[in-house]
Amino acid sequence: MVHDTVTININKITADEGMVLTNGEAFSKEVFLGKNDKPENWVEITEAEYEEILKEREAGL
């Protein structure tokens, strides 16, 4: 019997207080990065900016 050990690294980024992370499409307070994702793909915006984006999207529906 062969027993292999595999290490999996999970990278999580968390927005600062009063901020929301976005990659331009998705929004979240914390993000678990996928295999090909990197922190540089995400930026912080204020919760007020996030609320404004939501209002604009709702108005566009």
PDB file of N, CA and C in Angstrom:
ATOM      1  N   MET A   1       0.847  -1.170   0.000  1.00  0.00           N
ATOM      2  CA  MET A   1       0.000   0.000   0.000  1.00  0.00           C
ATOM      3  C   MET A   1       0.893   1.233   0.000  1.00  0.00           C
ATOM      4  N   VAL A   2       0.524   2.202  -0.830  1.00  0.00           N
ATOM      5  CA  VAL A   2       1.249   3.462  -0.895  1.00  0.00           C
ATOM      6  C   VAL A   2       0.412   4.529  -0.207  1.00  0.00           C
ATOM      7  N   HIS A   3       1.053   5.270   0.647  1.00  0.00           N
ATOM      8  CA  HIS A   3       0.362   6.341   1.367  1.00  0.00           C
ATOM      9  C   HIS A   3       1.047   7.659   1.027  1.00  0.00           C
ATOM     10  N   ASP A   4       0.334   8.521   0.306  1.00  0.00           N
ATOM     11  CA  ASP A   4       0.881   9.827  -0.066  1.00  0.00           C
ATOM     12  C   ASP A   4       0.262  10.908   0.806  1.00  0.00           C
ATOM     13  N   THR A   5       1.066  11.877   1.129  1.00  0.00           N
ATOM     14  CA  THR A   5       0.580  13.040   1.849  1.00  0.00           C
ATOM     15  C   THR A   5       0.605  14.227   0.902  1.00  0.00           C
ATOM     16  N   VAL A   6      -0.506  14.944   0.854  1.00  0.00           N
ATOM     17  CA  VAL A   6      -0.616  16.115  -0.011  1.00  0.00           C
ATOM     18  C   VAL A   6      -0.924  17.319   0.866  1.00  0.00           C
ATOM     19  N   THR A   7      -0.208  18.397   0.628  1.00  0.00           N
ATOM     20  CA  THR A   7      -0.461  19.641   1.348  1.00  0.00           C
ATOM     21  C   THR A   7      -1.238  20.577   0.445  1.00  0.00           C
ATOM     22  N   ILE A   8      -2.315  21.100   0.974  1.00  0.00           N
ATOM     23  CA  ILE A   8      -3.136  22.051   0.228  1.00  0.00           C
ATOM     24  C   ILE A   8      -3.095  23.375   0.969  1.00  0.00           C
ATOM     25  N   ASN A   9      -2.686  24.413   0.266  1.00  0.00           N
ATOM     26  CA  ASN A   9      -2.674  25.753   0.846  1.00  0.00           C
ATOM     27  C   ASN A   9      -3.937  26.481   0.437  1.00  0.00           C
ATOM     28  N   ILE A  10      -4.629  27.038   1.401  1.00  0.00           N
ATOM     29  CA  ILE A  10      -5.823  27.818   1.128  1.00  0.00           C
ATOM     30  C   ILE A  10      -5.506  29.265   1.470  1.00  0.00           C
ATOM     31  N   ASN A  11      -5.646  30.119   0.476  1.00  0.00           N
ATOM     32  CA  ASN A  11      -5.363  31.532   0.667  1.00  0.00           C
ATOM     33  C   ASN A  11      -6.676  32.295   0.790  1.00  0.00           C
ATOM     34  N   LYS A  12      -6.810  33.027   1.883  1.00  0.00           N
ATOM     35  CA  LYS A  12      -8.014  33.815   2.135  1.00  0.00           C
ATOM     36  C   LYS A  12      -7.606  35.260   2.334  1.00  0.00           C
ATOM     37  N   ILE A  13      -8.368  36.160   1.689  1.00  0.00           N
ATOM     38  CA  ILE A  13      -8.178  37.586   1.936  1.00  0.00           C
ATOM     39  C   ILE A  13      -9.462  38.122   2.560  1.00  0.00           C
ATOM     40  N   THR A  14      -9.302  39.089   3.449  1.00  0.00           N
ATOM     41  CA  THR A  14     -10.428  39.644   4.178  1.00  0.00           C
ATOM     42  C   THR A  14     -10.413  41.160   4.054  1.00  0.00           C
ATOM     43  N   ALA A  15     -11.582  41.729   3.786  1.00  0.00           N
ATOM     44  CA  ALA A  15     -11.692  43.186   3.675  1.00  0.00           C
ATOM     45  C   ALA A  15     -11.542  43.823   5.044  1.00  0.00           C
ATOM     46  N   ASP A  16     -10.987  45.023   5.063  1.00  0.00           N
ATOM     47  CA  ASP A  16     -10.887  45.798   6.297  1.00  0.00           C
ATOM     48  C   ASP A  16     -12.289  46.206   6.753  1.00  0.00           C
ATOM     49  N   GLU A  17     -12.398  46.634   7.998  1.00  0.00           N
ATOM     50  CA  GLU A  17     -13.668  47.094   8.553  1.00  0.00           C
ATOM     51  C   GLU A  17     -14.240  48.213   7.681  1.00  0.00           C
ATOM     52  N   GLY A  18     -15.525  48.099   7.322  1.00  0.00           N
ATOM     53  CA  GLY A  18     -16.188  49.120   6.517  1.00  0.00           C
ATOM     54  C   GLY A  18     -15.904  49.020   5.032  1.00  0.00           C
ATOM     55  N   MET A  19     -15.226  47.955   4.625  1.00  0.00           N
ATOM     56  CA  MET A  19     -14.847  47.780   3.221  1.00  0.00           C
ATOM     57  C   MET A  19     -15.422  46.476   2.676  1.00  0.00           C
ATOM     58  N   VAL A  20     -15.453  46.379   1.341  1.00  0.00           N
ATOM     59  CA  VAL A  20     -15.916  45.189   0.635  1.00  0.00           C
ATOM     60  C   VAL A  20     -14.896  44.881  -0.455  1.00  0.00           C
ATOM     61  N   LEU A  21     -14.595  43.610  -0.643  1.00  0.00           N
ATOM     62  CA  LEU A  21     -13.690  43.200  -1.723  1.00  0.00           C
ATOM     63  C   LEU A  21     -14.472  43.013  -3.016  1.00  0.00           C
ATOM     64  N   THR A  22     -13.859  43.390  -4.131  1.00  0.00           N
ATOM     65  CA  THR A  22     -14.472  43.152  -5.424  1.00  0.00           C
ATOM     66  C   THR A  22     -13.398  42.880  -6.473  1.00  0.00           C
ATOM     67  N   ASN A  23     -13.774  42.061  -7.442  1.00  0.00           N
ATOM     68  CA  ASN A  23     -12.919  41.836  -8.602  1.00  0.00           C
ATOM     69  C   ASN A  23     -13.565  42.442  -9.845  1.00  0.00           C
ATOM     70  N   GLY A  24     -14.578  43.268  -9.620  1.00  0.00           N
ATOM     71  CA  GLY A  24     -15.301  43.898 -10.712  1.00  0.00           C
ATOM     72  C   GLY A  24     -16.595  43.180 -11.048  1.00  0.00           C
ATOM     73  N   GLU A  25     -16.711  41.940 -10.621  1.00  0.00           N
ATOM     74  CA  GLU A  25     -17.919  41.154 -10.863  1.00  0.00           C
ATOM     75  C   GLU A  25     -18.542  40.674  -9.560  1.00  0.00           C
ATOM     76  N   ALA A  26     -17.718  40.142  -8.683  1.00  0.00           N
ATOM     77  CA  ALA A  26     -18.182  39.588  -7.414  1.00  0.00           C
ATOM     78  C   ALA A  26     -17.823  40.527  -6.276  1.00  0.00           C
ATOM     79  N   PHE A  27     -18.582  40.411  -5.180  1.00  0.00           N
ATOM     80  CA  PHE A  27     -18.353  41.239  -4.002  1.00  0.00           C
ATOM     81  C   PHE A  27     -18.413  40.347  -2.769  1.00  0.00           C
ATOM     82  N   SER A  28     -17.539  40.602  -1.806  1.00  0.00           N
ATOM     83  CA  SER A  28     -17.536  39.790  -0.599  1.00  0.00           C
ATOM     84  C   SER A  28     -16.709  40.462   0.487  1.00  0.00           C
ATOM     85  N   LYS A  29     -16.969  40.075   1.735  1.00  0.00           N
ATOM     86  CA  LYS A  29     -16.158  40.531   2.863  1.00  0.00           C
ATOM     87  C   LYS A  29     -14.879  39.698   2.979  1.00  0.00           C
ATOM     88  N   GLU A  30     -14.951  38.434   2.515  1.00  0.00           N
ATOM     89  CA  GLU A  30     -13.765  37.578   2.496  1.00  0.00           C
ATOM     90  C   GLU A  30     -13.824  36.688   1.267  1.00  0.00           C
ATOM     91  N   VAL A  31     -12.633  36.373   0.757  1.00  0.00           N
ATOM     92  CA  VAL A  31     -12.514  35.593  -0.474  1.00  0.00           C
ATOM     93  C   VAL A  31     -11.485  34.495  -0.272  1.00  0.00           C
ATOM     94  N   PHE A  32     -11.859  33.279  -0.629  1.00  0.00           N
ATOM     95  CA  PHE A  32     -10.917  32.171  -0.683  1.00  0.00           C
ATOM     96  C   PHE A  32     -10.442  32.094  -2.126  1.00  0.00           C
ATOM     97  N   LEU A  33      -9.171  32.330  -2.335  1.00  0.00           N
ATOM     98  CA  LEU A  33      -8.635  32.415  -3.693  1.00  0.00           C
ATOM     99  C   LEU A  33      -8.543  31.045  -4.341  1.00  0.00           C
ATOM    100  N   GLY A  34      -8.965  30.976  -5.590  1.00  0.00           N
ATOM    101  CA  GLY A  34      -8.852  29.754  -6.369  1.00  0.00           C
ATOM    102  C   GLY A  34      -7.426  29.553  -6.852  1.00  0.00           C
ATOM    103  N   LYS A  35      -7.226  28.438  -7.494  1.00  0.00           N
ATOM    104  CA  LYS A  35      -5.894  28.040  -7.965  1.00  0.00           C
ATOM    105  C   LYS A  35      -5.215  29.118  -8.814  1.00  0.00           C
ATOM    106  N   ASN A  36      -5.956  29.742  -9.717  1.00  0.00           N
ATOM    107  CA  ASN A  36      -5.367  30.720 -10.630  1.00  0.00           C
ATOM    108  C   ASN A  36      -5.677  32.160 -10.247  1.00  0.00           C
ATOM    109  N   ASP A  37      -6.235  32.372  -9.066  1.00  0.00           N
ATOM    110  CA  ASP A  37      -6.557  33.721  -8.609  1.00  0.00           C
ATOM    111  C   ASP A  37      -5.421  34.246  -7.742  1.00  0.00           C
ATOM    112  N   LYS A  38      -5.357  35.548  -7.579  1.00  0.00           N
ATOM    113  CA  LYS A  38      -4.333  36.145  -6.727  1.00  0.00           C
ATOM    114  C   LYS A  38      -4.905  37.399  -6.078  1.00  0.00           C
ATOM    115  N   PRO A  39      -4.351  37.797  -4.948  1.00  0.00           N
ATOM    116  CA  PRO A  39      -4.883  38.960  -4.239  1.00  0.00           C
ATOM    117  C   PRO A  39      -4.935  40.231  -5.088  1.00  0.00           C
ATOM    118  N   GLU A  40      -4.012  40.374  -6.022  1.00  0.00           N
ATOM    119  CA  GLU A  40      -3.969  41.566  -6.874  1.00  0.00           C
ATOM    120  C   GLU A  40      -5.209  41.707  -7.750  1.00  0.00           C
ATOM    121  N   ASN A  41      -5.975  40.625  -7.918  1.00  0.00           N
ATOM    122  CA  ASN A  41      -7.191  40.678  -8.721  1.00  0.00           C
ATOM    123  C   ASN A  41      -8.356  41.300  -7.951  1.00  0.00           C
ATOM    124  N   TRP A  42      -8.171  41.535  -6.665  1.00  0.00           N
ATOM    125  CA  TRP A  42      -9.228  42.043  -5.796  1.00  0.00           C
ATOM    126  C   TRP A  42      -8.835  43.399  -5.232  1.00  0.00           C
ATOM    127  N   VAL A  43      -9.808  44.301  -5.139  1.00  0.00           N
ATOM    128  CA  VAL A  43      -9.593  45.612  -4.544  1.00  0.00           C
ATOM    129  C   VAL A  43     -10.677  45.855  -3.493  1.00  0.00           C
ATOM    130  N   GLU A  44     -10.365  46.732  -2.564  1.00  0.00           N
ATOM    131  CA  GLU A  44     -11.344  47.111  -1.555  1.00  0.00           C
ATOM    132  C   GLU A  44     -12.076  48.370  -1.993  1.00  0.00           C
ATOM    133  N   ILE A  45     -13.389  48.367  -1.773  1.00  0.00           N
ATOM    134  CA  ILE A  45     -14.200  49.562  -1.955  1.00  0.00           C
ATOM    135  C   ILE A  45     -14.968  49.769  -0.648  1.00  0.00           C
ATOM    136  N   THR A  46     -15.457  50.973  -0.441  1.00  0.00           N
ATOM    137  CA  THR A  46     -16.210  51.229   0.778  1.00  0.00           C
ATOM    138  C   THR A  46     -17.581  50.568   0.685  1.00  0.00           C
ATOM    139  N   GLU A  47     -18.185  50.337   1.844  1.00  0.00           N
ATOM    140  CA  GLU A  47     -19.538  49.768   1.856  1.00  0.00           C
ATOM    141  C   GLU A  47     -20.516  50.703   1.151  1.00  0.00           C
ATOM    142  N   ALA A  48     -20.293  52.017   1.259  1.00  0.00           N
ATOM    143  CA  ALA A  48     -21.145  52.995   0.573  1.00  0.00           C
ATOM    144  C   ALA A  48     -21.025  52.838  -0.949  1.00  0.00           C
ATOM    145  N   GLU A  49     -19.802  52.644  -1.435  1.00  0.00           N
ATOM    146  CA  GLU A  49     -19.610  52.424  -2.879  1.00  0.00           C
ATOM    147  C   GLU A  49     -20.315  51.139  -3.317  1.00  0.00           C
ATOM    148  N   TYR A  50     -20.206  50.114  -2.502  1.00  0.00           N
ATOM    149  CA  TYR A  50     -20.868  48.841  -2.788  1.00  0.00           C
ATOM    150  C   TYR A  50     -22.385  49.027  -2.864  1.00  0.00           C
ATOM    151  N   GLU A  51     -22.958  49.735  -1.905  1.00  0.00           N
ATOM    152  CA  GLU A  51     -24.407  49.985  -1.910  1.00  0.00           C
ATOM    153  C   GLU A  51     -24.826  50.749  -3.162  1.00  0.00           C
ATOM    154  N   GLU A  52     -24.015  51.704  -3.581  1.00  0.00           N
ATOM    155  CA  GLU A  52     -24.313  52.487  -4.786  1.00  0.00           C
ATOM    156  C   GLU A  52     -24.289  51.584  -6.036  1.00  0.00           C
ATOM    157  N   ILE A  53     -23.327  50.702  -6.107  1.00  0.00           N
ATOM    158  CA  ILE A  53     -23.246  49.766  -7.239  1.00  0.00           C
ATOM    159  C   ILE A  53     -24.484  48.881  -7.268  1.00  0.00           C
ATOM    160  N   LEU A  54     -24.918  48.403  -6.093  1.00  0.00           N
ATOM    161  CA  LEU A  54     -26.131  47.581  -6.042  1.00  0.00           C
ATOM    162  C   LEU A  54     -27.362  48.349  -6.535  1.00  0.00           C
ATOM    163  N   LYS A  55     -27.483  49.602  -6.113  1.00  0.00           N
ATOM    164  CA  LYS A  55     -28.617  50.439  -6.567  1.00  0.00           C
ATOM    165  C   LYS A  55     -28.581  50.627  -8.078  1.00  0.00           C
ATOM    166  N   GLU A  56     -27.397  50.886  -8.621  1.00  0.00           N
ATOM    167  CA  GLU A  56     -27.265  51.076 -10.075  1.00  0.00           C
ATOM    168  C   GLU A  56     -27.638  49.798 -10.822  1.00  0.00           C
ATOM    169  N   ARG A  57     -27.232  48.652 -10.305  1.00  0.00           N
ATOM    170  CA  ARG A  57     -27.557  47.376 -10.944  1.00  0.00           C
ATOM    171  C   ARG A  57     -29.053  47.102 -10.891  1.00  0.00           C
ATOM    172  N   GLU A  58     -29.674  47.399  -9.748  1.00  0.00           N
ATOM    173  CA  GLU A  58     -31.122  47.201  -9.622  1.00  0.00           C
ATOM    174  C   GLU A  58     -31.886  48.109 -10.558  1.00  0.00           C
ATOM    175  N   ALA A  59     -31.436  49.342 -10.715  1.00  0.00           N
ATOM    176  CA  ALA A  59     -32.088  50.301 -11.601  1.00  0.00           C
ATOM    177  C   ALA A  59     -31.973  49.872 -13.063  1.00  0.00           C
ATOM    178  N   GLY A  60     -30.900  49.153 -13.373  1.00  0.00           N
ATOM    179  CA  GLY A  60     -30.680  48.691 -14.742  1.00  0.00           C
ATOM    180  C   GLY A  60     -31.489  47.471 -15.124  1.00  0.00           C
ATOM    181  N   LEU A  61     -32.133  46.837 -14.148  1.00  0.00           N
ATOM    182  CA  LEU A  61     -32.913  45.628 -14.425  1.00  0.00           C
ATOM    183  C   LEU A  61     -34.234  45.938 -15.025  1.00  0.00           C
TER     184      LEU A  61
END
